Amino acid sequence: MSNPKRGMMRPLRLATGLVLFIYATSHLLNHAFGIRSAGTMEAAANFLLDPWQTMPGLVLLYGAVAIHVALGLYSLYRRRHFRMPASEAMQIALGLSIPLLLISHAAAIRIGEGVYDLSVGYDRVLYLYWVATPDFGLPRQYLLLAIVWIHGCLGIRAWLRSKRWYARAVPALAALATLVPVLAALGFLNAGLDMRYVAANAPASLGKHVADRPGTRQASDWAQVSRIVDGILVGYRGLVAGVFTLRAGRNWHARRYGSIRVAYPDGRMVSVPAGFSVLEASRWAGVPHASVCGGRGRCSTCRVGVLAGAEYLSPPSGDELRLLTRIGAPPDVRLACQIRPTGNVAVVPLVNPASDPVLASRRFGAIGSGREMEIAALFVDMRQSTRLADDRLPYDVLFLFDRYIQMVSTAVRESGGHVTNIAGDGIMSVFGVDGTAEKAARDAFSAALRVWDGIDALNAELRAELPEPFRIGMGLHVGVAVVGAGWKGGTDGLPFLGDTGNVAARLEAEAKRLDCTLVASAEALSLLDNSMEGAALDTVMIRGKFEPVRVARFAVSDELRKLLARRTAKKVA
């Protein structure tokens, strides 16, 4: 069952994480100014860090810290087990270690300035880490820099990877993710070495607040700050230990009083505490179970058929309902990551885990790097192509087919699309990898017109060679697919996964029955012209669909030409 609280937690965790990442970025950029001098770092802080020291800035920053840490610990408590991918384990480990390193640094500065009115500028921080305690403080500071940045970048990547533009932005984002911490480390290094030189050669020039003088009030105040920070660290460790203790108690109680059983088709029976999702039960027992999105309700690869115990499952809602509706799943199919049985159930995983992520990774990069987006698929097929081989030499037939394939491929490329697969005389192409769904539809219709005009020109050119003119059928559909992020186009393999290409191919098969050349889904046509003025609409049943599909048919190229011209005129107006 999709929990509404979890639906609120995700955006809240993202929002607070973004606030903290922006703060960390401004902090590292400020460090980078140390490449010139420590004085430049101080001057840059007026613009990069001082806004965070205002009352609104402090409320935003410390509120984000409190909420983000609390949500992280709550998520840790809710997790039923620690069998997980390595990336998830690293994200959790980094998140837990950050406060241990950060409290000593940030809390000391905040308490020293806010409670004891002590001056904590870059000169004191540099003196502390590079002169007073270089063997202890310096490694901690660089370790903190690395951990905070890696943890933040992992979170940003998890958020952005599904965005349409992410693949194009990866090189620039990767460069920034490398450049910012490197410049920060170099800046801190240069400013620290300058501080060492001053401390060794001109100690009298150091400010009175840089080094603690024994027996002074300043030294006494910093000692008190140190004791408070140690108390906060003990409190945080106790909080983490409390979370693990509560987890252990909850799991013991569930095993003792509230276990359920999940049965699998191979006869395996798994007993888990009540509250486990079916996917968590599979992972707990080591049962192979596909889950491309990691159990976050963003894909349907973990779906199962419920053979028994449906009465112990809450009705689908939220993310689960949206995904099941999208794929047209029957009532007995559920998402394993979203259902938490309250009684014994029997399920059968519907996606073979050995053939899902592995196959995809072999074909167009790791499936985890794919992007879900709306694309347009255009399928072109030659009709009665076997007649071309009648009484012809093989190379003559090859010449004719090559001219046809080259014409279609050129039309697709000139319209901004990619040919993805050629099987005999059937050619599949995709549009919208680098744009909006509206642009994908427009480009696909433009390609269809170019193909239509191209086949007419080819018939005129090869009139003497052809026993009868080339005739083609085309199917066009727009829908959601997962496109490999690393795919660059070409004809070697399938670059997108989903039902969109299948629908386009089946619409092409309907073109012959409807006595037309192009059949496009109403969804695709509405993206091009939402009025659908003058379109010849039909309702057809295609294989694999439970509901009829509304389509537009085009028998002559002028119908399509007028549609595209009207769309262009509206755009100009």
Protein backbone atom coordinates (compact mmCIF):
# COMPACT_ATOMS: atom_id res chain seq x y z
CA MET A 1 0.00 0.00 0.00
CA SER A 2 1.23 3.47 -0.80
CA ASN A 3 1.53 5.47 2.38
CA PRO A 4 0.51 9.18 2.12
CA LYS A 5 3.09 10.06 4.77
CA ARG A 6 5.81 8.56 2.60
CA GLY A 7 4.53 10.63 -0.29
CA MET A 8 5.08 13.76 1.84
CA MET A 9 8.44 12.61 3.16
CA ARG A 10 10.11 12.27 -0.22
CA PRO A 11 9.65 15.86 -1.42
CA LEU A 12 10.44 17.18 2.07
CA ARG A 13 13.64 15.16 2.21
CA LEU A 14 14.56 16.37 -1.28
CA ALA A 15 13.85 20.02 -0.44
CA THR A 16 15.90 19.97 2.76
CA GLY A 17 18.68 18.08 1.00
CA LEU A 18 18.80 20.73 -1.72
CA VAL A 19 19.09 23.49 0.89
CA LEU A 20 22.03 21.69 2.51
CA PHE A 21 23.66 21.00 -0.86
CA ILE A 22 23.42 24.67 -1.82
CA TYR A 23 24.99 25.63 1.50
CA ALA A 24 27.78 23.08 1.04
CA THR A 25 28.41 24.36 -2.49
CA SER A 26 28.66 27.97 -1.32
CA HIS A 27 31.04 26.85 1.44
CA LEU A 28 33.31 25.00 -0.98
CA LEU A 29 33.28 27.86 -3.47
CA ASN A 30 34.34 30.14 -0.65
CA HIS A 31 37.23 27.76 0.13
CA ALA A 32 38.29 27.96 -3.51
CA PHE A 33 39.06 31.67 -3.13
CA GLY A 34 41.91 30.62 -0.83
CA ILE A 35 43.87 29.84 -4.00
CA ARG A 36 44.59 33.57 -3.98
CA SER A 37 44.83 34.22 -0.22
CA ALA A 38 43.11 33.83 3.14
CA GLY A 39 42.09 37.49 2.92
CA THR A 40 40.29 36.78 -0.34
CA MET A 41 38.42 33.94 1.38
CA GLU A 42 37.28 36.36 4.08
CA ALA A 43 36.14 38.88 1.46
CA ALA A 44 34.25 36.24 -0.55
CA ALA A 45 32.50 35.09 2.61
CA ASN A 46 30.64 38.42 2.70
CA PHE A 47 28.74 37.29 -0.40
CA LEU A 48 28.75 33.50 -0.15
CA LEU A 49 28.38 32.79 3.57
CA ASP A 50 27.11 35.91 5.35
CA PRO A 51 23.55 35.52 3.96
CA TRP A 52 23.40 32.19 5.82
CA GLN A 53 24.26 34.00 9.07
CA THR A 54 21.16 36.19 8.97
CA MET A 55 18.13 35.12 10.97
CA PRO A 56 16.19 33.81 7.91
CA GLY A 57 19.34 32.05 6.70
CA LEU A 58 19.95 30.39 10.06
CA VAL A 59 16.33 29.28 10.38
CA LEU A 60 16.41 27.81 6.87
CA LEU A 61 19.78 26.12 7.37
CA TYR A 62 19.29 24.62 10.82
CA GLY A 63 15.68 23.75 10.06
CA ALA A 64 16.86 21.84 6.99
CA VAL A 65 19.55 20.09 9.03
CA ALA A 66 17.08 19.00 11.72
CA ILE A 67 14.42 17.81 9.27
CA HIS A 68 16.86 16.05 6.94
CA VAL A 69 18.58 14.18 9.79
CA ALA A 70 15.24 13.27 11.38
CA LEU A 71 13.85 11.96 8.09
CA GLY A 72 17.04 10.01 7.49
CA LEU A 73 16.87 8.35 10.90
CA TYR A 74 13.16 7.63 10.44
CA SER A 75 13.88 6.06 7.06
CA LEU A 76 16.59 3.96 8.72
CA TYR A 77 14.09 2.84 11.36
CA ARG A 78 11.46 1.93 8.77
CA ARG A 79 13.88 -0.16 6.71
CA ARG A 80 13.13 -3.79 7.45
CA HIS A 81 16.58 -5.16 6.61
CA PHE A 82 19.94 -4.11 5.23
CA ARG A 83 20.08 -6.32 2.15
CA MET A 84 20.40 -3.61 -0.49
CA PRO A 85 22.50 -2.50 -3.48
CA ALA A 86 25.96 -1.16 -2.68
CA SER A 87 25.03 2.39 -3.74
CA GLU A 88 22.19 2.50 -1.20
CA ALA A 89 24.45 1.15 1.53
CA MET A 90 27.08 3.81 0.76
CA GLN A 91 24.46 6.57 0.79
CA ILE A 92 23.27 5.48 4.25
CA ALA A 93 26.79 5.10 5.64
CA LEU A 94 27.85 8.53 4.37
CA GLY A 95 24.69 10.14 5.73
CA LEU A 96 25.25 8.71 9.21
CA SER A 97 28.92 9.69 9.31
CA ILE A 98 28.45 13.34 8.27
CA PRO A 99 27.05 14.58 11.64
CA LEU A 100 29.92 12.88 13.49
CA LEU A 101 32.41 14.98 11.54
CA LEU A 102 30.28 18.08 11.13
CA ILE A 103 29.22 18.63 14.75
CA SER A 104 32.79 19.19 15.91
CA HIS A 105 33.27 21.87 13.27
CA ALA A 106 29.93 23.59 12.75
CA ALA A 107 28.53 23.34 16.28
CA ALA A 108 31.73 24.69 17.80
CA ILE A 109 31.65 27.73 15.52
CA ARG A 110 27.93 28.37 16.02
CA ILE A 111 28.07 28.01 19.83
CA GLY A 112 31.30 29.96 20.12
CA GLU A 113 29.91 32.90 18.15
CA GLY A 114 26.31 32.82 19.31
CA VAL A 115 26.66 31.94 23.00
CA TYR A 116 30.12 33.13 24.04
CA ASP A 117 30.57 35.97 21.53
CA LEU A 118 33.88 34.51 20.37
CA SER A 119 35.37 35.57 17.05
CA VAL A 120 35.61 32.66 14.59
CA GLY A 121 36.98 33.83 11.26
CA TYR A 122 38.87 31.98 8.58
CA ASP A 123 42.17 32.94 10.19
CA ARG A 124 41.28 31.06 13.42
CA VAL A 125 39.97 28.02 11.50
CA LEU A 126 43.14 27.92 9.39
CA TYR A 127 45.34 28.28 12.46
CA LEU A 128 43.47 25.50 14.26
CA TYR A 129 43.70 22.99 11.41
CA TRP A 130 47.10 23.87 9.94
CA VAL A 131 49.12 24.96 13.00
CA ALA A 132 47.51 23.86 16.28
CA THR A 133 46.20 20.37 15.41
CA PRO A 134 47.36 19.50 11.86
CA ASP A 135 47.70 15.75 12.48
CA PHE A 136 44.14 15.42 13.76
CA GLY A 137 42.05 18.31 12.48
CA LEU A 138 43.34 18.49 8.92
CA PRO A 139 42.49 14.90 7.85
CA ARG A 140 39.05 15.28 9.44
CA GLN A 141 38.38 18.46 7.46
CA TYR A 142 39.32 16.94 4.13
CA LEU A 143 37.39 13.77 4.95
CA LEU A 144 34.34 15.87 5.81
CA LEU A 145 34.64 17.76 2.52
CA ALA A 146 34.77 14.52 0.52
CA ILE A 147 31.92 12.78 2.38
CA VAL A 148 29.54 15.74 2.27
CA TRP A 149 30.15 16.30 -1.43
CA ILE A 150 29.81 12.64 -2.44
CA HIS A 151 26.65 12.21 -0.36
CA GLY A 152 25.13 15.35 -1.90
CA CYS A 153 26.08 14.39 -5.46
CA LEU A 154 24.56 10.91 -5.04
CA GLY A 155 21.31 12.51 -3.89
CA ILE A 156 21.31 15.02 -6.76
CA ARG A 157 21.95 12.23 -9.27
CA ALA A 158 19.07 10.13 -7.89
CA TRP A 159 16.79 13.16 -8.26
CA LEU A 160 17.85 14.25 -11.76
CA ARG A 161 18.51 10.97 -13.52
CA SER A 162 14.88 10.64 -14.67
CA LYS A 163 14.79 14.14 -16.16
CA ARG A 164 14.58 14.40 -19.94
CA TRP A 165 17.61 16.68 -20.22
CA TYR A 166 19.84 14.83 -17.74
CA ALA A 167 21.78 12.75 -20.29
CA ARG A 168 22.80 15.86 -22.22
CA ALA A 169 23.84 17.60 -19.01
CA VAL A 170 25.91 14.71 -17.58
CA PRO A 171 29.29 15.90 -18.98
CA ALA A 172 28.83 19.43 -17.61
CA LEU A 173 27.48 18.19 -14.27
CA ALA A 174 30.32 15.69 -13.92
CA ALA A 175 32.85 18.44 -14.63
CA LEU A 176 31.28 20.66 -11.96
CA ALA A 177 31.08 17.80 -9.47
CA THR A 178 34.82 17.28 -9.92
CA LEU A 179 35.93 20.88 -10.24
CA VAL A 180 34.20 22.35 -7.15
CA PRO A 181 35.76 20.06 -4.49
CA VAL A 182 39.17 20.10 -6.19
CA LEU A 183 39.27 23.91 -6.23
CA ALA A 184 38.02 23.99 -2.63
CA ALA A 185 40.75 21.58 -1.51
CA LEU A 186 43.42 23.59 -3.35
CA GLY A 187 42.15 26.86 -1.88
CA PHE A 188 42.12 25.50 1.65
CA LEU A 189 45.61 24.05 1.10
CA ASN A 190 47.09 27.31 -0.19
CA ALA A 191 45.51 29.43 2.58
CA GLY A 192 46.64 26.89 5.19
CA LEU A 193 50.24 26.92 3.98
CA ASP A 194 50.17 30.72 4.10
CA MET A 195 48.98 30.52 7.72
CA ARG A 196 51.79 28.12 8.60
CA TYR A 197 54.33 30.52 7.10
CA VAL A 198 52.94 33.48 9.06
CA ALA A 199 52.79 31.46 12.32
CA ALA A 200 56.40 30.36 11.89
CA ASN A 201 57.91 33.66 10.72
CA ALA A 202 55.71 36.46 12.04
CA PRO A 203 53.60 35.14 14.95
CA ALA A 204 53.16 38.65 16.33
CA SER A 205 51.05 39.55 13.31
CA LEU A 206 48.41 36.94 14.19
CA GLY A 207 45.21 38.33 15.63
CA LYS A 208 44.63 37.90 19.35
CA HIS A 209 41.63 35.67 18.71
CA VAL A 210 43.54 33.22 16.50
CA ALA A 211 45.41 31.27 19.19
CA ASP A 212 44.09 30.67 22.71
CA ARG A 213 46.31 32.17 25.43
CA PRO A 214 46.49 29.81 28.47
CA GLY A 215 44.66 31.13 31.50
CA THR A 216 42.64 33.71 29.58
CA ARG A 217 38.86 33.94 29.46
CA GLN A 218 39.01 33.14 25.77
CA ALA A 219 40.71 29.80 26.47
CA SER A 220 38.18 29.04 29.21
CA ASP A 221 35.25 29.82 26.93
CA TRP A 222 36.58 27.57 24.16
CA ALA A 223 37.05 24.77 26.68
CA GLN A 224 33.38 25.14 27.65
CA VAL A 225 32.39 25.08 23.97
CA SER A 226 34.40 21.89 23.55
CA ARG A 227 32.52 20.23 26.43
CA ILE A 228 29.14 21.23 24.92
CA VAL A 229 30.17 19.86 21.51
CA ASP A 230 31.24 16.58 23.12
CA GLY A 231 27.80 16.37 24.73
CA ILE A 232 26.09 16.91 21.39
CA LEU A 233 28.22 14.18 19.82
CA VAL A 234 27.28 11.78 22.61
CA GLY A 235 23.63 12.71 22.09
CA TYR A 236 23.81 12.01 18.35
CA ARG A 237 25.51 8.67 18.89
CA GLY A 238 22.83 7.82 21.44
CA LEU A 239 20.12 8.80 18.95
CA VAL A 240 21.55 6.52 16.25
CA ALA A 241 21.98 3.72 18.76
CA GLY A 242 18.38 4.28 19.86
CA VAL A 243 17.15 3.87 16.29
CA PHE A 244 18.96 0.54 15.95
CA THR A 245 17.64 -0.55 19.35
CA LEU A 246 14.08 0.31 18.38
CA ARG A 247 14.54 -1.57 15.09
CA ALA A 248 15.77 -4.63 16.95
CA GLY A 249 12.85 -4.48 19.38
CA ARG A 250 10.31 -4.02 16.61
CA ASN A 251 11.74 -6.91 14.60
CA TRP A 252 11.79 -9.19 17.63
CA HIS A 253 8.19 -8.38 18.42
CA ALA A 254 7.16 -8.94 14.82
CA ARG A 255 8.92 -12.30 14.64
CA ARG A 256 7.48 -13.35 17.97
CA TYR A 257 3.91 -12.19 17.54
CA GLY A 258 3.22 -11.03 14.00
CA SER A 259 5.04 -13.00 11.30
CA ILE A 260 3.47 -13.74 7.93
CA ARG A 261 4.41 -16.14 5.13
CA VAL A 262 5.00 -15.36 1.48
CA ALA A 263 4.83 -18.34 -0.89
CA TYR A 264 6.66 -18.43 -4.24
CA PRO A 265 6.03 -20.63 -7.31
CA ASP A 266 9.08 -22.88 -6.70
CA GLY A 267 7.56 -24.02 -3.42
CA ARG A 268 9.70 -21.74 -1.29
CA MET A 269 7.94 -20.33 1.78
CA VAL A 270 9.39 -17.21 3.41
CA SER A 271 8.41 -16.14 6.94
CA VAL A 272 8.92 -12.44 7.62
CA PRO A 273 7.64 -9.96 10.22
CA ALA A 274 4.34 -8.28 9.44
CA GLY A 275 4.98 -4.94 7.78
CA PHE A 276 7.48 -6.23 5.21
CA SER A 277 6.69 -5.51 1.60
CA VAL A 278 6.78 -8.51 -0.74
CA LEU A 279 9.95 -7.13 -2.36
CA GLU A 280 11.58 -6.79 1.07
CA ALA A 281 10.57 -10.38 1.81
CA SER A 282 12.22 -11.54 -1.42
CA ARG A 283 15.43 -9.67 -0.61
CA TRP A 284 15.38 -10.89 2.99
CA ALA A 285 15.23 -14.53 1.85
CA GLY A 286 17.51 -14.13 -1.17
CA VAL A 287 14.73 -14.85 -3.67
CA PRO A 288 15.68 -13.34 -7.08
CA HIS A 289 13.28 -10.48 -7.74
CA ALA A 290 13.65 -7.79 -10.42
CA SER A 291 13.47 -4.18 -9.24
CA VAL A 292 15.06 -1.64 -11.56
CA CYS A 293 14.13 1.47 -9.55
CA GLY A 294 15.24 -0.05 -6.25
CA GLY A 295 11.77 -0.47 -4.78
CA ARG A 296 10.68 3.17 -4.96
CA GLY A 297 7.47 2.67 -6.94
CA ARG A 298 8.92 4.27 -10.09
CA CYS A 299 8.85 1.19 -12.35
CA SER A 300 6.76 -1.95 -12.76
CA THR A 301 9.56 -4.53 -12.96
CA CYS A 302 8.89 -5.88 -9.46
CA ARG A 303 5.23 -6.63 -10.27
CA VAL A 304 3.78 -9.91 -9.08
CA GLY A 305 0.66 -11.92 -9.70
CA VAL A 306 -1.23 -12.54 -6.44
CA LEU A 307 -2.29 -16.20 -6.40
CA ALA A 308 -3.73 -16.25 -2.88
CA GLY A 309 -4.21 -13.89 0.05
CA ALA A 310 -5.45 -10.85 -1.90
CA GLU A 311 -7.79 -10.10 1.00
CA TYR A 312 -4.70 -9.29 3.13
CA LEU A 313 -3.62 -6.50 0.77
CA SER A 314 -4.83 -2.92 0.82
CA PRO A 315 -6.22 -1.62 -2.50
CA PRO A 316 -3.65 0.04 -4.77
CA SER A 317 -3.27 3.80 -4.45
CA GLY A 318 -0.80 6.59 -5.14
CA ASP A 319 2.27 5.58 -7.15
CA GLU A 320 1.16 1.97 -7.40
CA LEU A 321 -2.26 2.82 -8.79
CA ARG A 322 -0.75 5.24 -11.30
CA LEU A 323 1.74 2.68 -12.61
CA LEU A 324 -0.72 -0.23 -12.73
CA THR A 325 -3.19 1.95 -14.64
CA ARG A 326 -0.48 3.03 -17.07
CA ILE A 327 0.49 -0.55 -17.96
CA GLY A 328 -3.12 -1.78 -18.03
CA ALA A 329 -2.48 -4.43 -15.36
CA PRO A 330 -5.30 -6.82 -14.41
CA PRO A 331 -6.66 -6.73 -10.82
CA ASP A 332 -4.50 -9.61 -9.58
CA VAL A 333 -1.23 -7.87 -10.53
CA ARG A 334 0.43 -5.69 -7.88
CA LEU A 335 3.78 -3.96 -7.29
CA ALA A 336 5.84 -6.02 -4.86
CA CYS A 337 7.56 -2.95 -3.43
CA GLN A 338 4.24 -1.32 -2.49
CA ILE A 339 2.20 -4.14 -0.98
CA ARG A 340 2.64 -5.03 2.70
CA PRO A 341 0.51 -8.09 3.47
CA THR A 342 -1.21 -8.43 6.82
CA GLY A 343 -1.63 -12.19 6.31
CA ASN A 344 -0.19 -15.08 4.34
CA VAL A 345 0.02 -14.58 0.58
CA ALA A 346 1.19 -16.51 -2.48
CA VAL A 347 2.75 -14.58 -5.34
CA VAL A 348 4.53 -15.17 -8.63
CA PRO A 349 7.08 -12.58 -9.90
CA LEU A 350 6.13 -11.60 -13.45
CA VAL A 351 9.51 -10.27 -14.63
CA ASN A 352 12.42 -12.67 -14.86
CA PRO A 353 15.23 -11.04 -12.84
CA ALA A 354 17.87 -12.84 -14.89
CA SER A 355 16.65 -11.34 -18.14
CA ASP A 356 15.60 -7.85 -17.13
CA PRO A 357 18.46 -5.60 -15.97
CA VAL A 358 21.20 -7.82 -17.43
CA LEU A 359 19.67 -7.95 -20.88
CA ALA A 360 19.11 -4.23 -20.89
CA SER A 361 22.65 -3.51 -19.79
CA ARG A 362 24.01 -5.60 -22.64
CA ARG A 363 21.89 -3.81 -25.18
CA PHE A 364 22.20 -0.14 -24.36
CA GLY A 365 23.94 0.44 -21.07
CA ALA A 366 22.81 -0.22 -17.55
CA ILE A 367 19.07 0.03 -17.36
CA GLY A 368 19.44 2.07 -14.21
CA SER A 369 20.92 4.83 -16.37
CA GLY A 370 17.88 4.94 -18.65
CA ARG A 371 15.42 7.81 -18.73
CA GLU A 372 11.65 7.52 -18.74
CA MET A 373 10.20 9.96 -21.24
CA GLU A 374 7.50 10.48 -23.82
CA ILE A 375 8.76 9.62 -27.28
CA ALA A 376 7.19 9.22 -30.73
CA ALA A 377 7.67 5.98 -32.66
CA LEU A 378 7.23 5.74 -36.45
CA PHE A 379 7.13 2.32 -38.12
CA VAL A 380 7.40 2.08 -41.91
CA ASP A 381 6.82 -1.17 -43.81
CA MET A 382 6.80 -2.00 -47.52
CA ARG A 383 3.76 -3.84 -48.80
CA GLN A 384 3.99 -6.88 -51.08
CA SER A 385 7.78 -6.64 -51.03
CA THR A 386 8.15 -10.31 -52.05
CA ARG A 387 7.01 -9.45 -55.57
CA LEU A 388 10.22 -7.47 -56.06
CA ALA A 389 12.18 -10.73 -56.07
CA ASP A 390 10.10 -12.33 -58.84
CA ASP A 391 12.37 -13.08 -61.84
CA ARG A 392 15.08 -10.69 -60.59
CA LEU A 393 18.75 -11.19 -59.89
CA PRO A 394 19.57 -11.05 -56.13
CA TYR A 395 21.78 -7.97 -56.50
CA ASP A 396 19.07 -6.16 -58.44
CA VAL A 397 16.66 -6.80 -55.59
CA LEU A 398 19.30 -5.67 -53.11
CA PHE A 399 19.72 -2.43 -55.05
CA LEU A 400 15.99 -1.66 -54.86
CA PHE A 401 15.78 -2.45 -51.15
CA ASP A 402 18.88 -0.39 -50.43
CA ARG A 403 17.36 2.65 -52.19
CA TYR A 404 14.17 2.23 -50.17
CA ILE A 405 16.00 1.88 -46.82
CA GLN A 406 18.31 4.82 -47.56
CA MET A 407 15.34 7.02 -48.48
CA VAL A 408 13.44 6.20 -45.26
CA SER A 409 16.57 6.56 -43.07
CA THR A 410 17.40 9.94 -44.61
CA ALA A 411 13.84 11.20 -44.08
CA VAL A 412 13.97 10.16 -40.42
CA ARG A 413 17.35 11.79 -39.78
CA GLU A 414 16.40 15.02 -41.55
CA SER A 415 13.35 15.23 -39.28
CA GLY A 416 15.40 14.90 -36.11
CA GLY A 417 14.78 11.21 -35.46
CA HIS A 418 16.88 8.06 -35.17
CA VAL A 419 16.46 4.77 -37.00
CA THR A 420 16.53 2.16 -34.26
CA ASN A 421 15.84 -1.13 -36.02
CA ILE A 422 15.65 -2.50 -39.57
CA ALA A 423 14.08 -5.93 -39.95
CA GLY A 424 13.69 -6.83 -43.62
CA ASP A 425 11.64 -4.01 -45.10
CA GLY A 426 10.25 -2.85 -41.74
CA ILE A 427 11.98 0.21 -40.28
CA MET A 428 11.41 1.47 -36.73
CA SER A 429 12.44 4.99 -35.74
CA VAL A 430 12.16 7.11 -32.61
CA PHE A 431 11.74 10.85 -32.06
CA GLY A 432 11.91 13.09 -28.98
CA VAL A 433 15.07 11.79 -27.31
CA ASP A 434 16.29 15.40 -26.99
CA GLY A 435 13.07 17.40 -26.76
CA THR A 436 9.47 17.66 -25.63
CA ALA A 437 6.63 15.28 -26.46
CA GLU A 438 5.09 17.95 -28.70
CA LYS A 439 8.32 18.26 -30.68
CA ALA A 440 8.57 14.47 -30.89
CA ALA A 441 5.09 14.26 -32.45
CA ARG A 442 5.79 17.12 -34.86
CA ASP A 443 9.08 15.58 -36.00
CA ALA A 444 7.51 12.14 -36.43
CA PHE A 445 4.68 13.51 -38.60
CA SER A 446 7.22 15.51 -40.60
CA ALA A 447 9.26 12.36 -41.14
CA ALA A 448 6.13 10.50 -42.27
CA LEU A 449 5.47 13.19 -44.88
CA ARG A 450 9.11 13.09 -46.04
CA VAL A 451 8.88 9.30 -46.39
CA TRP A 452 5.64 9.66 -48.33
CA ASP A 453 7.14 12.23 -50.70
CA GLY A 454 10.30 10.16 -50.93
CA ILE A 455 8.45 7.01 -51.97
CA ASP A 456 6.65 8.99 -54.69
CA ALA A 457 9.98 10.35 -55.96
CA LEU A 458 11.52 6.87 -55.83
CA ASN A 459 8.64 5.42 -57.84
CA ALA A 460 9.10 8.12 -60.47
CA GLU A 461 12.88 7.55 -60.61
CA LEU A 462 12.69 3.75 -60.78
CA ARG A 463 9.61 3.47 -62.96
CA ALA A 464 11.43 1.37 -65.53
CA GLU A 465 12.85 -0.98 -62.88
CA LEU A 466 9.65 -1.65 -60.92
CA PRO A 467 6.92 -4.07 -61.98
CA GLU A 468 4.57 -1.97 -59.88
CA PRO A 469 5.15 1.11 -57.68
CA PHE A 470 6.48 0.84 -54.16
CA ARG A 471 3.65 0.91 -51.63
CA ILE A 472 4.16 1.49 -47.94
CA GLY A 473 2.23 1.57 -44.70
CA MET A 474 3.11 3.65 -41.66
CA GLY A 475 2.10 3.60 -38.00
CA LEU A 476 2.76 6.46 -35.59
CA HIS A 477 2.25 6.59 -31.84
CA VAL A 478 3.39 8.70 -28.87
CA GLY A 479 3.87 7.18 -25.44
CA VAL A 480 6.16 6.60 -22.49
CA ALA A 481 9.34 4.57 -22.93
CA VAL A 482 12.64 4.09 -21.12
CA VAL A 483 15.44 5.34 -23.35
CA GLY A 484 19.04 4.32 -22.71
CA ALA A 485 20.92 7.38 -21.44
CA GLY A 486 24.12 6.38 -23.22
CA TRP A 487 22.49 5.67 -26.58
CA LYS A 488 23.68 7.80 -29.49
CA GLY A 489 21.40 6.54 -32.23
CA GLY A 490 22.11 3.95 -34.89
CA THR A 491 20.71 0.61 -35.89
CA ASP A 492 22.41 -1.85 -33.56
CA GLY A 493 19.85 -2.91 -31.00
CA LEU A 494 16.76 -1.54 -29.35
CA PRO A 495 17.35 1.88 -27.76
CA PHE A 496 13.99 2.25 -26.02
CA LEU A 497 11.86 -0.09 -23.96
CA GLY A 498 8.12 0.07 -23.63
CA ASP A 499 4.91 -0.50 -25.53
CA THR A 500 5.12 2.59 -27.75
CA GLY A 501 7.03 0.92 -30.59
CA ASN A 502 4.74 -2.14 -30.49
CA VAL A 503 1.66 0.07 -30.84
CA ALA A 504 3.21 1.94 -33.79
CA ALA A 505 3.93 -1.36 -35.57
CA ARG A 506 0.39 -2.61 -34.98
CA LEU A 507 -1.10 0.65 -36.21
CA GLU A 508 0.87 0.17 -39.43
CA ALA A 509 -0.81 -3.23 -39.81
CA GLU A 510 -4.19 -1.46 -39.49
CA ALA A 511 -3.30 0.88 -42.39
CA LYS A 512 -3.88 -1.88 -44.94
CA ARG A 513 -7.27 -2.78 -43.48
CA LEU A 514 -8.32 0.88 -43.40
CA ASP A 515 -7.08 1.37 -47.00
CA CYS A 516 -4.73 4.21 -46.16
CA THR A 517 -0.99 4.86 -45.94
CA LEU A 518 -0.59 6.33 -42.44
CA VAL A 519 -2.43 5.47 -39.22
CA ALA A 520 -1.57 7.65 -36.23
CA SER A 521 -2.94 7.40 -32.70
CA ALA A 522 -5.23 10.19 -31.55
CA GLU A 523 -2.77 10.88 -28.69
CA ALA A 524 -0.04 11.63 -31.21
CA LEU A 525 -2.31 13.78 -33.37
CA SER A 526 -3.55 15.79 -30.39
CA LEU A 527 0.03 16.81 -29.59
CA LEU A 528 0.35 18.16 -33.11
CA ASP A 529 -3.11 19.73 -33.37
CA ASN A 530 -5.37 19.48 -30.34
CA SER A 531 -8.39 20.52 -32.39
CA MET A 532 -7.82 17.56 -34.78
CA GLU A 533 -9.69 19.59 -37.36
CA GLY A 534 -10.51 17.67 -40.53
CA ALA A 535 -8.94 14.42 -39.29
CA ALA A 536 -10.54 11.12 -40.34
CA LEU A 537 -10.91 9.35 -37.00
CA ASP A 538 -11.62 5.66 -36.41
CA THR A 539 -11.68 3.30 -33.46
CA VAL A 540 -9.69 0.08 -33.77
CA MET A 541 -8.81 -2.87 -31.58
CA ILE A 542 -5.17 -3.85 -31.68
CA ARG A 543 -3.52 -6.94 -30.27
CA GLY A 544 -2.39 -6.61 -26.67
CA LYS A 545 -4.84 -3.83 -25.76
CA PHE A 546 -7.99 -4.34 -23.73
CA GLU A 547 -9.56 -1.06 -24.78
CA PRO A 548 -10.18 0.29 -28.32
CA VAL A 549 -7.70 2.82 -29.65
CA ARG A 550 -8.75 6.02 -31.42
CA VAL A 551 -6.72 6.64 -34.55
CA ALA A 552 -6.50 9.10 -37.42
CA ARG A 553 -6.02 7.75 -40.96
CA PHE A 554 -4.36 9.51 -43.88
CA ALA A 555 -5.01 8.17 -47.37
CA VAL A 556 -3.26 10.88 -49.40
CA SER A 557 -0.16 12.90 -48.57
CA ASP A 558 -1.93 16.24 -49.05
CA GLU A 559 -4.02 15.57 -45.92
CA LEU A 560 -0.86 15.30 -43.87
CA ARG A 561 0.74 18.24 -45.65
CA LYS A 562 -2.23 20.50 -44.82
CA LEU A 563 -2.14 19.37 -41.19
CA LEU A 564 1.53 20.27 -40.82
CA ALA A 565 1.07 23.57 -42.64
CA ARG A 566 -1.82 24.48 -40.32
CA ARG A 567 0.33 23.60 -37.31
CA THR A 568 3.15 25.81 -38.61
CA ALA A 569 0.76 28.70 -39.26
CA LYS A 570 -0.63 28.48 -35.72
CA LYS A 571 2.86 28.47 -34.27
CA VAL A 572 3.86 31.57 -36.27
CA ALA A 573 0.64 33.36 -35.30
